[in-house]
Amino acid sequence: KGIIRNKLKIQSTINNAKQFLLIQKEFGSFDAYIWSFVNNKPI
């Protein structure tokens, strides 16, 4: 009862963890992937 008990959101969290790991494997880290969109410089 302490989380949002939405079936799609719960399943999404598990799925997104799997995809997150694939990005880590491809880019070395999720950090390297996500910050590449801004050339590592905040807007």
PDB file of all heavy atoms in Angstrom:
ATOM      1  N   LYS A   1       0.810  -1.223   0.000  1.00  0.00           N
ATOM      2  CA  LYS A   1       0.000   0.000   0.000  1.00  0.00           C
ATOM      3  C   LYS A   1       0.841   1.270   0.000  1.00  0.00           C
ATOM      4  O   LYS A   1       0.321   2.360  -0.163  1.00  0.00           O
ATOM      5  CB  LYS A   1      -0.954  -0.003   1.210  1.00  0.00           C
ATOM      6  CG  LYS A   1      -1.978  -1.099   1.133  1.00  0.00           C
ATOM      7  CD  LYS A   1      -2.885  -1.110   2.345  1.00  0.00           C
ATOM      8  CE  LYS A   1      -3.868  -2.270   2.216  1.00  0.00           C
ATOM      9  NZ  LYS A   1      -4.704  -2.413   3.382  1.00  0.00           N
ATOM     10  N   GLY A   2       2.152   1.130   0.160  1.00  0.00           N
ATOM     11  CA  GLY A   2       3.035   2.285   0.191  1.00  0.00           C
ATOM     12  C   GLY A   2       3.500   2.762  -1.172  1.00  0.00           C
ATOM     13  O   GLY A   2       4.176   3.784  -1.282  1.00  0.00           O
ATOM     14  N   ILE A   3       3.157   1.989  -2.227  1.00  0.00           N
ATOM     15  CA  ILE A   3       3.516   2.403  -3.586  1.00  0.00           C
ATOM     16  C   ILE A   3       2.233   2.561  -4.406  1.00  0.00           C
ATOM     17  O   ILE A   3       1.146   2.202  -3.949  1.00  0.00           O
ATOM     18  CB  ILE A   3       4.461   1.381  -4.268  1.00  0.00           C
ATOM     19  CG1 ILE A   3       3.758   0.033  -4.498  1.00  0.00           C
ATOM     20  CG2 ILE A   3       5.749   1.213  -3.471  1.00  0.00           C
ATOM     21  CD1 ILE A   3       4.504  -0.921  -5.421  1.00  0.00           C
ATOM     22  N   ILE A   4       2.380   3.066  -5.604  1.00  0.00           N
ATOM     23  CA  ILE A   4       1.239   3.145  -6.514  1.00  0.00           C
ATOM     24  C   ILE A   4       1.064   1.746  -7.105  1.00  0.00           C
ATOM     25  O   ILE A   4       1.926   1.260  -7.829  1.00  0.00           O
ATOM     26  CB  ILE A   4       1.494   4.191  -7.635  1.00  0.00           C
ATOM     27  CG1 ILE A   4       1.863   5.550  -7.037  1.00  0.00           C
ATOM     28  CG2 ILE A   4       0.301   4.273  -8.575  1.00  0.00           C
ATOM     29  CD1 ILE A   4       0.851   6.135  -6.072  1.00  0.00           C
ATOM     30  N   ARG A   5      -0.042   1.112  -6.764  1.00  0.00           N
ATOM     31  CA  ARG A   5      -0.259  -0.283  -7.157  1.00  0.00           C
ATOM     32  C   ARG A   5      -0.952  -0.370  -8.521  1.00  0.00           C
ATOM     33  O   ARG A   5      -2.034  -0.908  -8.651  1.00  0.00           O
ATOM     34  CB  ARG A   5      -1.039  -1.008  -6.078  1.00  0.00           C
ATOM     35  CG  ARG A   5      -0.243  -1.116  -4.787  1.00  0.00           C
ATOM     36  CD  ARG A   5      -0.982  -1.822  -3.707  1.00  0.00           C
ATOM     37  NE  ARG A   5      -2.142  -1.033  -3.294  1.00  0.00           N
ATOM     38  CZ  ARG A   5      -3.093  -1.457  -2.491  1.00  0.00           C
ATOM     39  NH1 ARG A   5      -3.044  -2.662  -1.986  1.00  0.00           N
ATOM     40  NH2 ARG A   5      -4.097  -0.677  -2.166  1.00  0.00           N
ATOM     41  N   ASN A   6      -0.273   0.147  -9.506  1.00  0.00           N
ATOM     42  CA  ASN A   6      -0.767   0.126 -10.873  1.00  0.00           C
ATOM     43  C   ASN A   6      -0.014  -0.981 -11.611  1.00  0.00           C
ATOM     44  O   ASN A   6       1.222  -0.959 -11.667  1.00  0.00           O
ATOM     45  CB  ASN A   6      -0.515   1.503 -11.513  1.00  0.00           C
ATOM     46  CG  ASN A   6      -0.892   1.556 -12.971  1.00  0.00           C
ATOM     47  OD1 ASN A   6      -0.306   0.875 -13.796  1.00  0.00           O
ATOM     48  ND2 ASN A   6      -1.857   2.398 -13.282  1.00  0.00           N
ATOM     49  N   LYS A   7      -0.755  -1.928 -12.144  1.00  0.00           N
ATOM     50  CA  LYS A   7      -0.145  -3.096 -12.781  1.00  0.00           C
ATOM     51  C   LYS A   7       0.845  -2.699 -13.870  1.00  0.00           C
ATOM     52  O   LYS A   7       1.962  -3.218 -13.935  1.00  0.00           O
ATOM     53  CB  LYS A   7      -1.255  -3.982 -13.367  1.00  0.00           C
ATOM     54  CG  LYS A   7      -0.754  -5.234 -14.027  1.00  0.00           C
ATOM     55  CD  LYS A   7      -1.921  -6.060 -14.556  1.00  0.00           C
ATOM     56  CE  LYS A   7      -1.413  -7.338 -15.199  1.00  0.00           C
ATOM     57  NZ  LYS A   7      -2.509  -8.156 -15.719  1.00  0.00           N
ATOM     58  N   LEU A   8       0.459  -1.765 -14.725  1.00  0.00           N
ATOM     59  CA  LEU A   8       1.330  -1.358 -15.824  1.00  0.00           C
ATOM     60  C   LEU A   8       2.602  -0.674 -15.315  1.00  0.00           C
ATOM     61  O   LEU A   8       3.689  -0.890 -15.853  1.00  0.00           O
ATOM     62  CB  LEU A   8       0.594  -0.443 -16.796  1.00  0.00           C
ATOM     63  CG  LEU A   8      -0.558  -1.088 -17.575  1.00  0.00           C
ATOM     64  CD1 LEU A   8      -1.260  -0.049 -18.445  1.00  0.00           C
ATOM     65  CD2 LEU A   8      -0.049  -2.248 -18.429  1.00  0.00           C
ATOM     66  N   LYS A   9       2.468   0.133 -14.274  1.00  0.00           N
ATOM     67  CA  LYS A   9       3.645   0.826 -13.726  1.00  0.00           C
ATOM     68  C   LYS A   9       4.603  -0.150 -13.046  1.00  0.00           C
ATOM     69  O   LYS A   9       5.822  -0.011 -13.159  1.00  0.00           O
ATOM     70  CB  LYS A   9       3.217   1.936 -12.771  1.00  0.00           C
ATOM     71  CG  LYS A   9       2.564   3.108 -13.490  1.00  0.00           C
ATOM     72  CD  LYS A   9       2.122   4.206 -12.535  1.00  0.00           C
ATOM     73  CE  LYS A   9       1.455   5.341 -13.286  1.00  0.00           C
ATOM     74  NZ  LYS A   9       1.029   6.430 -12.393  1.00  0.00           N
ATOM     75  N   ILE A  10       4.072  -1.131 -12.365  1.00  0.00           N
ATOM     76  CA  ILE A  10       4.919  -2.135 -11.711  1.00  0.00           C
ATOM     77  C   ILE A  10       5.648  -2.968 -12.761  1.00  0.00           C
ATOM     78  O   ILE A  10       6.868  -3.156 -12.686  1.00  0.00           O
ATOM     79  CB  ILE A  10       4.087  -3.020 -10.755  1.00  0.00           C
ATOM     80  CG1 ILE A  10       3.649  -2.193  -9.535  1.00  0.00           C
ATOM     81  CG2 ILE A  10       4.880  -4.263 -10.321  1.00  0.00           C
ATOM     82  CD1 ILE A  10       2.633  -2.885  -8.643  1.00  0.00           C
ATOM     83  N   GLN A  11       4.917  -3.451 -13.759  1.00  0.00           N
ATOM     84  CA  GLN A  11       5.536  -4.240 -14.820  1.00  0.00           C
ATOM     85  C   GLN A  11       6.551  -3.403 -15.598  1.00  0.00           C
ATOM     86  O   GLN A  11       7.607  -3.892 -15.998  1.00  0.00           O
ATOM     87  CB  GLN A  11       4.465  -4.812 -15.745  1.00  0.00           C
ATOM     88  CG  GLN A  11       3.632  -5.880 -15.065  1.00  0.00           C
ATOM     89  CD  GLN A  11       2.436  -6.328 -15.890  1.00  0.00           C
ATOM     90  OE1 GLN A  11       1.911  -5.586 -16.714  1.00  0.00           O
ATOM     91  NE2 GLN A  11       2.005  -7.552 -15.646  1.00  0.00           N
ATOM     92  N   SER A  12       6.235  -2.139 -15.784  1.00  0.00           N
ATOM     93  CA  SER A  12       7.133  -1.224 -16.483  1.00  0.00           C
ATOM     94  C   SER A  12       8.448  -1.068 -15.736  1.00  0.00           C
ATOM     95  O   SER A  12       9.520  -1.013 -16.350  1.00  0.00           O
ATOM     96  CB  SER A  12       6.449   0.138 -16.644  1.00  0.00           C
ATOM     97  OG  SER A  12       7.356   1.101 -17.087  1.00  0.00           O
ATOM     98  N   THR A  13       8.389  -1.002 -14.416  1.00  0.00           N
ATOM     99  CA  THR A  13       9.607  -0.853 -13.620  1.00  0.00           C
ATOM    100  C   THR A  13      10.542  -2.038 -13.840  1.00  0.00           C
ATOM    101  O   THR A  13      11.750  -1.860 -14.027  1.00  0.00           O
ATOM    102  CB  THR A  13       9.253  -0.708 -12.122  1.00  0.00           C
ATOM    103  OG1 THR A  13       8.465   0.471 -11.958  1.00  0.00           O
ATOM    104  CG2 THR A  13      10.502  -0.614 -11.260  1.00  0.00           C
ATOM    105  N   ILE A  14       9.985  -3.227 -13.868  1.00  0.00           N
ATOM    106  CA  ILE A  14      10.800  -4.427 -14.089  1.00  0.00           C
ATOM    107  C   ILE A  14      11.361  -4.426 -15.515  1.00  0.00           C
ATOM    108  O   ILE A  14      12.550  -4.664 -15.727  1.00  0.00           O
ATOM    109  CB  ILE A  14       9.976  -5.701 -13.795  1.00  0.00           C
ATOM    110  CG1 ILE A  14       9.526  -5.693 -12.319  1.00  0.00           C
ATOM    111  CG2 ILE A  14      10.775  -6.963 -14.127  1.00  0.00           C
ATOM    112  CD1 ILE A  14       8.412  -6.665 -11.999  1.00  0.00           C
ATOM    113  N   ASN A  15      10.509  -4.137 -16.466  1.00  0.00           N
ATOM    114  CA  ASN A  15      10.953  -4.058 -17.861  1.00  0.00           C
ATOM    115  C   ASN A  15      12.037  -2.990 -18.026  1.00  0.00           C
ATOM    116  O   ASN A  15      13.061  -3.219 -18.678  1.00  0.00           O
ATOM    117  CB  ASN A  15       9.767  -3.743 -18.777  1.00  0.00           C
ATOM    118  CG  ASN A  15      10.223  -3.433 -20.182  1.00  0.00           C
ATOM    119  OD1 ASN A  15      10.678  -4.299 -20.913  1.00  0.00           O
ATOM    120  ND2 ASN A  15      10.139  -2.168 -20.558  1.00  0.00           N
ATOM    121  N   ASN A  16      11.806  -1.817 -17.460  1.00  0.00           N
ATOM    122  CA  ASN A  16      12.767  -0.728 -17.616  1.00  0.00           C
ATOM    123  C   ASN A  16      14.114  -1.055 -16.968  1.00  0.00           C
ATOM    124  O   ASN A  16      15.156  -0.614 -17.451  1.00  0.00           O
ATOM    125  CB  ASN A  16      12.194   0.578 -17.076  1.00  0.00           C
ATOM    126  CG  ASN A  16      11.100   1.130 -17.982  1.00  0.00           C
ATOM    127  OD1 ASN A  16      10.833   0.606 -19.067  1.00  0.00           O
ATOM    128  ND2 ASN A  16      10.448   2.188 -17.542  1.00  0.00           N
ATOM    129  N   ALA A  17      14.083  -1.832 -15.899  1.00  0.00           N
ATOM    130  CA  ALA A  17      15.352  -2.263 -15.283  1.00  0.00           C
ATOM    131  C   ALA A  17      16.145  -3.112 -16.272  1.00  0.00           C
ATOM    132  O   ALA A  17      17.363  -2.946 -16.405  1.00  0.00           O
ATOM    133  CB  ALA A  17      15.075  -3.050 -14.002  1.00  0.00           C
ATOM    134  N   LYS A  18      15.457  -3.997 -16.988  1.00  0.00           N
ATOM    135  CA  LYS A  18      16.132  -4.837 -17.984  1.00  0.00           C
ATOM    136  C   LYS A  18      16.721  -3.985 -19.108  1.00  0.00           C
ATOM    137  O   LYS A  18      17.864  -4.203 -19.531  1.00  0.00           O
ATOM    138  CB  LYS A  18      15.149  -5.867 -18.549  1.00  0.00           C
ATOM    139  CG  LYS A  18      14.707  -6.893 -17.523  1.00  0.00           C
ATOM    140  CD  LYS A  18      13.604  -7.783 -18.058  1.00  0.00           C
ATOM    141  CE  LYS A  18      13.128  -8.729 -16.962  1.00  0.00           C
ATOM    142  NZ  LYS A  18      11.978  -9.539 -17.374  1.00  0.00           N
ATOM    143  N   GLN A  19      15.953  -3.016 -19.572  1.00  0.00           N
ATOM    144  CA  GLN A  19      16.425  -2.137 -20.660  1.00  0.00           C
ATOM    145  C   GLN A  19      17.576  -1.243 -20.172  1.00  0.00           C
ATOM    146  O   GLN A  19      18.515  -0.964 -20.911  1.00  0.00           O
ATOM    147  CB  GLN A  19      15.280  -1.273 -21.200  1.00  0.00           C
ATOM    148  CG  GLN A  19      14.039  -2.029 -21.627  1.00  0.00           C
ATOM    149  CD  GLN A  19      14.298  -3.307 -22.393  1.00  0.00           C
ATOM    150  OE1 GLN A  19      15.117  -3.338 -23.302  1.00  0.00           O
ATOM    151  NE2 GLN A  19      13.617  -4.382 -22.013  1.00  0.00           N
ATOM    152  N   PHE A  20      17.487  -0.817 -18.925  1.00  0.00           N
ATOM    153  CA  PHE A  20      18.522   0.008 -18.304  1.00  0.00           C
ATOM    154  C   PHE A  20      19.860  -0.732 -18.320  1.00  0.00           C
ATOM    155  O   PHE A  20      20.902  -0.162 -18.660  1.00  0.00           O
ATOM    156  CB  PHE A  20      18.094   0.332 -16.867  1.00  0.00           C
ATOM    157  CG  PHE A  20      18.895   1.388 -16.168  1.00  0.00           C
ATOM    158  CD1 PHE A  20      18.509   2.714 -16.218  1.00  0.00           C
ATOM    159  CD2 PHE A  20      20.015   1.048 -15.413  1.00  0.00           C
ATOM    160  CE1 PHE A  20      19.231   3.690 -15.547  1.00  0.00           C
ATOM    161  CE2 PHE A  20      20.744   2.011 -14.742  1.00  0.00           C
ATOM    162  CZ  PHE A  20      20.345   3.345 -14.806  1.00  0.00           C
ATOM    163  N   LEU A  21      19.816  -2.024 -17.965  1.00  0.00           N
ATOM    164  CA  LEU A  21      21.031  -2.846 -17.953  1.00  0.00           C
ATOM    165  C   LEU A  21      21.617  -2.991 -19.356  1.00  0.00           C
ATOM    166  O   LEU A  21      22.843  -2.999 -19.530  1.00  0.00           O
ATOM    167  CB  LEU A  21      20.741  -4.220 -17.355  1.00  0.00           C
ATOM    168  CG  LEU A  21      20.365  -4.229 -15.870  1.00  0.00           C
ATOM    169  CD1 LEU A  21      19.928  -5.635 -15.449  1.00  0.00           C
ATOM    170  CD2 LEU A  21      21.495  -3.732 -14.997  1.00  0.00           C
ATOM    171  N   LEU A  22      20.756  -3.081 -20.364  1.00  0.00           N
ATOM    172  CA  LEU A  22      21.243  -3.168 -21.744  1.00  0.00           C
ATOM    173  C   LEU A  22      21.954  -1.884 -22.161  1.00  0.00           C
ATOM    174  O   LEU A  22      22.982  -1.933 -22.848  1.00  0.00           O
ATOM    175  CB  LEU A  22      20.077  -3.473 -22.702  1.00  0.00           C
ATOM    176  CG  LEU A  22      19.461  -4.860 -22.574  1.00  0.00           C
ATOM    177  CD1 LEU A  22      18.242  -4.990 -23.481  1.00  0.00           C
ATOM    178  CD2 LEU A  22      20.494  -5.940 -22.890  1.00  0.00           C
ATOM    179  N   ILE A  23      21.426  -0.751 -21.736  1.00  0.00           N
ATOM    180  CA  ILE A  23      22.086   0.524 -22.041  1.00  0.00           C
ATOM    181  C   ILE A  23      23.430   0.599 -21.318  1.00  0.00           C
ATOM    182  O   ILE A  23      24.426   1.043 -21.892  1.00  0.00           O
ATOM    183  CB  ILE A  23      21.179   1.720 -21.684  1.00  0.00           C
ATOM    184  CG1 ILE A  23      20.079   1.851 -22.736  1.00  0.00           C
ATOM    185  CG2 ILE A  23      21.982   3.015 -21.577  1.00  0.00           C
ATOM    186  CD1 ILE A  23      19.097   2.974 -22.510  1.00  0.00           C
ATOM    187  N   GLN A  24      23.462   0.157 -20.065  1.00  0.00           N
ATOM    188  CA  GLN A  24      24.743   0.139 -19.339  1.00  0.00           C
ATOM    189  C   GLN A  24      25.772  -0.704 -20.080  1.00  0.00           C
ATOM    190  O   GLN A  24      26.931  -0.310 -20.194  1.00  0.00           O
ATOM    191  CB  GLN A  24      24.555  -0.424 -17.922  1.00  0.00           C
ATOM    192  CG  GLN A  24      23.901   0.523 -16.953  1.00  0.00           C
ATOM    193  CD  GLN A  24      23.771  -0.085 -15.566  1.00  0.00           C
ATOM    194  OE1 GLN A  24      23.451  -1.265 -15.413  1.00  0.00           O
ATOM    195  NE2 GLN A  24      24.001   0.726 -14.549  1.00  0.00           N
ATOM    196  N   LYS A  25      25.340  -1.842 -20.581  1.00  0.00           N
ATOM    197  CA  LYS A  25      26.254  -2.732 -21.304  1.00  0.00           C
ATOM    198  C   LYS A  25      26.744  -2.062 -22.587  1.00  0.00           C
ATOM    199  O   LYS A  25      27.934  -2.120 -22.918  1.00  0.00           O
ATOM    200  CB  LYS A  25      25.539  -4.051 -21.615  1.00  0.00           C
ATOM    201  CG  LYS A  25      26.430  -5.095 -22.217  1.00  0.00           C
ATOM    202  CD  LYS A  25      25.691  -6.417 -22.370  1.00  0.00           C
ATOM    203  CE  LYS A  25      26.628  -7.465 -22.941  1.00  0.00           C
ATOM    204  NZ  LYS A  25      25.963  -8.756 -23.117  1.00  0.00           N
ATOM    205  N   GLU A  26      25.839  -1.403 -23.311  1.00  0.00           N
ATOM    206  CA  GLU A  26      26.192  -0.778 -24.588  1.00  0.00           C
ATOM    207  C   GLU A  26      27.077   0.459 -24.422  1.00  0.00           C
ATOM    208  O   GLU A  26      28.031   0.663 -25.170  1.00  0.00           O
ATOM    209  CB  GLU A  26      24.920  -0.404 -25.352  1.00  0.00           C
ATOM    210  CG  GLU A  26      25.190   0.247 -26.693  1.00  0.00           C
ATOM    211  CD  GLU A  26      23.928   0.611 -27.457  1.00  0.00           C
ATOM    212  OE1 GLU A  26      22.827   0.149 -27.089  1.00  0.00           O
ATOM    213  OE2 GLU A  26      24.044   1.382 -28.436  1.00  0.00           O
ATOM    214  N   PHE A  27      26.770   1.301 -23.434  1.00  0.00           N
ATOM    215  CA  PHE A  27      27.448   2.589 -23.281  1.00  0.00           C
ATOM    216  C   PHE A  27      28.453   2.639 -22.127  1.00  0.00           C
ATOM    217  O   PHE A  27      29.123   3.648 -21.945  1.00  0.00           O
ATOM    218  CB  PHE A  27      26.417   3.709 -23.084  1.00  0.00           C
ATOM    219  CG  PHE A  27      25.604   4.002 -24.309  1.00  0.00           C
ATOM    220  CD1 PHE A  27      24.453   3.280 -24.574  1.00  0.00           C
ATOM    221  CD2 PHE A  27      25.991   4.987 -25.207  1.00  0.00           C
ATOM    222  CE1 PHE A  27      23.691   3.545 -25.710  1.00  0.00           C
ATOM    223  CE2 PHE A  27      25.246   5.255 -26.337  1.00  0.00           C
ATOM    224  CZ  PHE A  27      24.092   4.523 -26.590  1.00  0.00           C
ATOM    225  N   GLY A  28      28.515   1.580 -21.332  1.00  0.00           N
ATOM    226  CA  GLY A  28      29.392   1.572 -20.171  1.00  0.00           C
ATOM    227  C   GLY A  28      28.691   2.041 -18.913  1.00  0.00           C
ATOM    228  O   GLY A  28      29.027   1.629 -17.814  1.00  0.00           O
ATOM    229  N   SER A  29      27.697   2.894 -19.079  1.00  0.00           N
ATOM    230  CA  SER A  29      26.856   3.368 -17.964  1.00  0.00           C
ATOM    231  C   SER A  29      25.629   4.051 -18.554  1.00  0.00           C
ATOM    232  O   SER A  29      25.656   4.514 -19.700  1.00  0.00           O
ATOM    233  CB  SER A  29      27.615   4.351 -17.070  1.00  0.00           C
ATOM    234  OG  SER A  29      27.895   5.551 -17.771  1.00  0.00           O
ATOM    235  N   PHE A  30      24.575   4.089 -17.763  1.00  0.00           N
ATOM    236  CA  PHE A  30      23.399   4.855 -18.196  1.00  0.00           C
ATOM    237  C   PHE A  30      23.741   6.336 -18.200  1.00  0.00           C
ATOM    238  O   PHE A  30      23.274   7.085 -19.047  1.00  0.00           O
ATOM    239  CB  PHE A  30      22.203   4.573 -17.273  1.00  0.00           C
ATOM    240  CG  PHE A  30      20.914   5.166 -17.789  1.00  0.00           C
ATOM    241  CD1 PHE A  30      20.176   4.496 -18.754  1.00  0.00           C
ATOM    242  CD2 PHE A  30      20.442   6.382 -17.319  1.00  0.00           C
ATOM    243  CE1 PHE A  30      18.982   5.041 -19.240  1.00  0.00           C
ATOM    244  CE2 PHE A  30      19.261   6.929 -17.798  1.00  0.00           C
ATOM    245  CZ  PHE A  30      18.527   6.250 -18.759  1.00  0.00           C
ATOM    246  N   ASP A  31      24.586   6.739 -17.272  1.00  0.00           N
ATOM    247  CA  ASP A  31      25.057   8.120 -17.194  1.00  0.00           C
ATOM    248  C   ASP A  31      25.670   8.564 -18.525  1.00  0.00           C
ATOM    249  O   ASP A  31      25.329   9.626 -19.048  1.00  0.00           O
ATOM    250  CB  ASP A  31      26.079   8.241 -16.053  1.00  0.00           C
ATOM    251  CG  ASP A  31      26.714   9.608 -15.979  1.00  0.00           C
ATOM    252  OD1 ASP A  31      25.986  10.586 -15.716  1.00  0.00           O
ATOM    253  OD2 ASP A  31      27.934   9.697 -16.178  1.00  0.00           O
ATOM    254  N   ALA A  32      26.557   7.763 -19.081  1.00  0.00           N
ATOM    255  CA  ALA A  32      27.195   8.104 -20.365  1.00  0.00           C
ATOM    256  C   ALA A  32      26.150   8.241 -21.464  1.00  0.00           C
ATOM    257  O   ALA A  32      26.220   9.154 -22.301  1.00  0.00           O
ATOM    258  CB  ALA A  32      28.234   7.051 -20.738  1.00  0.00           C
ATOM    259  N   TYR A  33      25.166   7.356 -21.458  1.00  0.00           N
ATOM    260  CA  TYR A  33      24.094   7.396 -22.459  1.00  0.00           C
ATOM    261  C   TYR A  33      23.248   8.673 -22.329  1.00  0.00           C
ATOM    262  O   TYR A  33      23.121   9.436 -23.276  1.00  0.00           O
ATOM    263  CB  TYR A  33      23.208   6.149 -22.326  1.00  0.00           C
ATOM    264  CG  TYR A  33      21.866   6.279 -22.993  1.00  0.00           C
ATOM    265  CD1 TYR A  33      21.731   6.165 -24.369  1.00  0.00           C
ATOM    266  CD2 TYR A  33      20.715   6.537 -22.233  1.00  0.00           C
ATOM    267  CE1 TYR A  33      20.493   6.302 -24.983  1.00  0.00           C
ATOM    268  CE2 TYR A  33      19.481   6.668 -22.838  1.00  0.00           C
ATOM    269  CZ  TYR A  33      19.366   6.559 -24.208  1.00  0.00           C
ATOM    270  OH  TYR A  33      18.141   6.704 -24.817  1.00  0.00           O
ATOM    271  N   ILE A  34      22.704   8.900 -21.138  1.00  0.00           N
ATOM    272  CA  ILE A  34      21.722   9.983 -20.989  1.00  0.00           C
ATOM    273  C   ILE A  34      22.365  11.358 -21.111  1.00  0.00           C
ATOM    274  O   ILE A  34      21.795  12.275 -21.695  1.00  0.00           O
ATOM    275  CB  ILE A  34      20.893   9.818 -19.683  1.00  0.00           C
ATOM    276  CG1 ILE A  34      19.579  10.604 -19.769  1.00  0.00           C
ATOM    277  CG2 ILE A  34      21.674  10.220 -18.451  1.00  0.00           C
ATOM    278  CD1 ILE A  34      18.591  10.067 -20.775  1.00  0.00           C
ATOM    279  N   TRP A  35      23.570  11.514 -20.590  1.00  0.00           N
ATOM    280  CA  TRP A  35      24.239  12.812 -20.664  1.00  0.00           C
ATOM    281  C   TRP A  35      24.814  13.094 -22.049  1.00  0.00           C
ATOM    282  O   TRP A  35      25.145  14.240 -22.369  1.00  0.00           O
ATOM    283  CB  TRP A  35      25.292  12.928 -19.560  1.00  0.00           C
ATOM    284  CG  TRP A  35      24.657  13.270 -18.246  1.00  0.00           C
ATOM    285  CD1 TRP A  35      24.233  12.408 -17.276  1.00  0.00           C
ATOM    286  CD2 TRP A  35      24.343  14.574 -17.771  1.00  0.00           C
ATOM    287  NE1 TRP A  35      23.670  13.089 -16.230  1.00  0.00           N
ATOM    288  CE2 TRP A  35      23.734  14.434 -16.503  1.00  0.00           C
ATOM    289  CE3 TRP A  35      24.516  15.858 -18.278  1.00  0.00           C
ATOM    290  CZ2 TRP A  35      23.292  15.515 -15.752  1.00  0.00           C
ATOM    291  CZ3 TRP A  35      24.091  16.948 -17.527  1.00  0.00           C
ATOM    292  CH2 TRP A  35      23.480  16.762 -16.276  1.00  0.00           C
ATOM    293  N   SER A  36      24.909  12.064 -22.893  1.00  0.00           N
ATOM    294  CA  SER A  36      25.392  12.291 -24.261  1.00  0.00           C
ATOM    295  C   SER A  36      24.423  13.151 -25.059  1.00  0.00           C
ATOM    296  O   SER A  36      24.817  13.821 -26.017  1.00  0.00           O
ATOM    297  CB  SER A  36      25.645  10.963 -24.975  1.00  0.00           C
ATOM    298  OG  SER A  36      24.418  10.312 -25.302  1.00  0.00           O
ATOM    299  N   PHE A  37      23.161  13.167 -24.658  1.00  0.00           N
ATOM    300  CA  PHE A  37      22.160  13.977 -25.360  1.00  0.00           C
ATOM    301  C   PHE A  37      22.440  15.476 -25.224  1.00  0.00           C
ATOM    302  O   PHE A  37      21.954  16.274 -26.019  1.00  0.00           O
ATOM    303  CB  PHE A  37      20.746  13.663 -24.847  1.00  0.00           C
ATOM    304  CG  PHE A  37      20.213  12.353 -25.338  1.00  0.00           C
ATOM    305  CD1 PHE A  37      20.335  11.205 -24.566  1.00  0.00           C
ATOM    306  CD2 PHE A  37      19.581  12.251 -26.573  1.00  0.00           C
ATOM    307  CE1 PHE A  37      19.844   9.984 -25.009  1.00  0.00           C
ATOM    308  CE2 PHE A  37      19.082  11.032 -27.035  1.00  0.00           C
ATOM    309  CZ  PHE A  37      19.219   9.902 -26.248  1.00  0.00           C
ATOM    310  N   VAL A  38      23.212  15.858 -24.201  1.00  0.00           N
ATOM    311  CA  VAL A  38      23.546  17.281 -23.984  1.00  0.00           C
ATOM    312  C   VAL A  38      25.065  17.487 -23.951  1.00  0.00           C
ATOM    313  O   VAL A  38      25.546  18.472 -23.382  1.00  0.00           O
ATOM    314  CB  VAL A  38      22.888  17.824 -22.686  1.00  0.00           C
ATOM    315  CG1 VAL A  38      21.372  17.891 -22.831  1.00  0.00           C
ATOM    316  CG2 VAL A  38      23.276  16.994 -21.460  1.00  0.00           C
ATOM    317  N   ASN A  39      25.802  16.558 -24.556  1.00  0.00           N
ATOM    318  CA  ASN A  39      27.267  16.644 -24.562  1.00  0.00           C
ATOM    319  C   ASN A  39      27.839  16.863 -23.163  1.00  0.00           C
ATOM    320  O   ASN A  39      28.778  17.633 -22.973  1.00  0.00           O
ATOM    321  CB  ASN A  39      27.747  17.732 -25.518  1.00  0.00           C
ATOM    322  CG  ASN A  39      27.391  17.409 -26.955  1.00  0.00           C
ATOM    323  OD1 ASN A  39      27.516  16.271 -27.378  1.00  0.00           O
ATOM    324  ND2 ASN A  39      26.925  18.399 -27.685  1.00  0.00           N
ATOM    325  N   ASN A  40      27.213  16.201 -22.176  1.00  0.00           N
ATOM    326  CA  ASN A  40      27.648  16.245 -20.772  1.00  0.00           C
ATOM    327  C   ASN A  40      27.607  17.636 -20.154  1.00  0.00           C
ATOM    328  O   ASN A  40      28.285  17.885 -19.156  1.00  0.00           O
ATOM    329  CB  ASN A  40      29.048  15.634 -20.622  1.00  0.00           C
ATOM    330  CG  ASN A  40      29.051  14.176 -21.014  1.00  0.00           C
ATOM    331  OD1 ASN A  40      28.239  13.400 -20.526  1.00  0.00           O
ATOM    332  ND2 ASN A  40      29.930  13.809 -21.919  1.00  0.00           N
ATOM    333  N   LYS A  41      26.811  18.533 -20.718  1.00  0.00           N
ATOM    334  CA  LYS A  41      26.715  19.893 -20.189  1.00  0.00           C
ATOM    335  C   LYS A  41      25.245  20.233 -19.928  1.00  0.00           C
ATOM    336  O   LYS A  41      24.434  20.230 -20.857  1.00  0.00           O
ATOM    337  CB  LYS A  41      27.311  20.882 -21.184  1.00  0.00           C
ATOM    338  CG  LYS A  41      27.400  22.282 -20.633  1.00  0.00           C
ATOM    339  CD  LYS A  41      28.160  23.193 -21.575  1.00  0.00           C
ATOM    340  CE  LYS A  41      28.418  24.503 -20.884  1.00  0.00           C
ATOM    341  NZ  LYS A  41      27.724  25.613 -21.351  1.00  0.00           N
ATOM    342  N   PRO A  42      24.885  20.519 -18.668  1.00  0.00           N
ATOM    343  CA  PRO A  42      23.491  20.843 -18.358  1.00  0.00           C
ATOM    344  C   PRO A  42      22.995  22.061 -19.146  1.00  0.00           C
ATOM    345  O   PRO A  42      23.758  22.984 -19.432  1.00  0.00           O
ATOM    346  CB  PRO A  42      23.509  21.156 -16.859  1.00  0.00           C
ATOM    347  CG  PRO A  42      24.779  20.571 -16.344  1.00  0.00           C
ATOM    348  CD  PRO A  42      25.744  20.590 -17.484  1.00  0.00           C
ATOM    349  N   ILE A  43      21.723  22.026 -19.459  1.00  0.00           N
ATOM    350  CA  ILE A  43      21.059  23.160 -20.108  1.00  0.00           C
ATOM    351  C   ILE A  43      20.528  24.069 -19.009  1.00  0.00           C
ATOM    352  O   ILE A  43      19.842  23.606 -18.099  1.00  0.00           O
ATOM    353  CB  ILE A  43      19.890  22.666 -20.975  1.00  0.00           C
ATOM    354  CG1 ILE A  43      20.398  21.769 -22.098  1.00  0.00           C
ATOM    355  CG2 ILE A  43      19.083  23.838 -21.521  1.00  0.00           C
ATOM    356  CD1 ILE A  43      19.296  20.987 -22.786  1.00  0.00           C
TER     357      ILE A  43
END
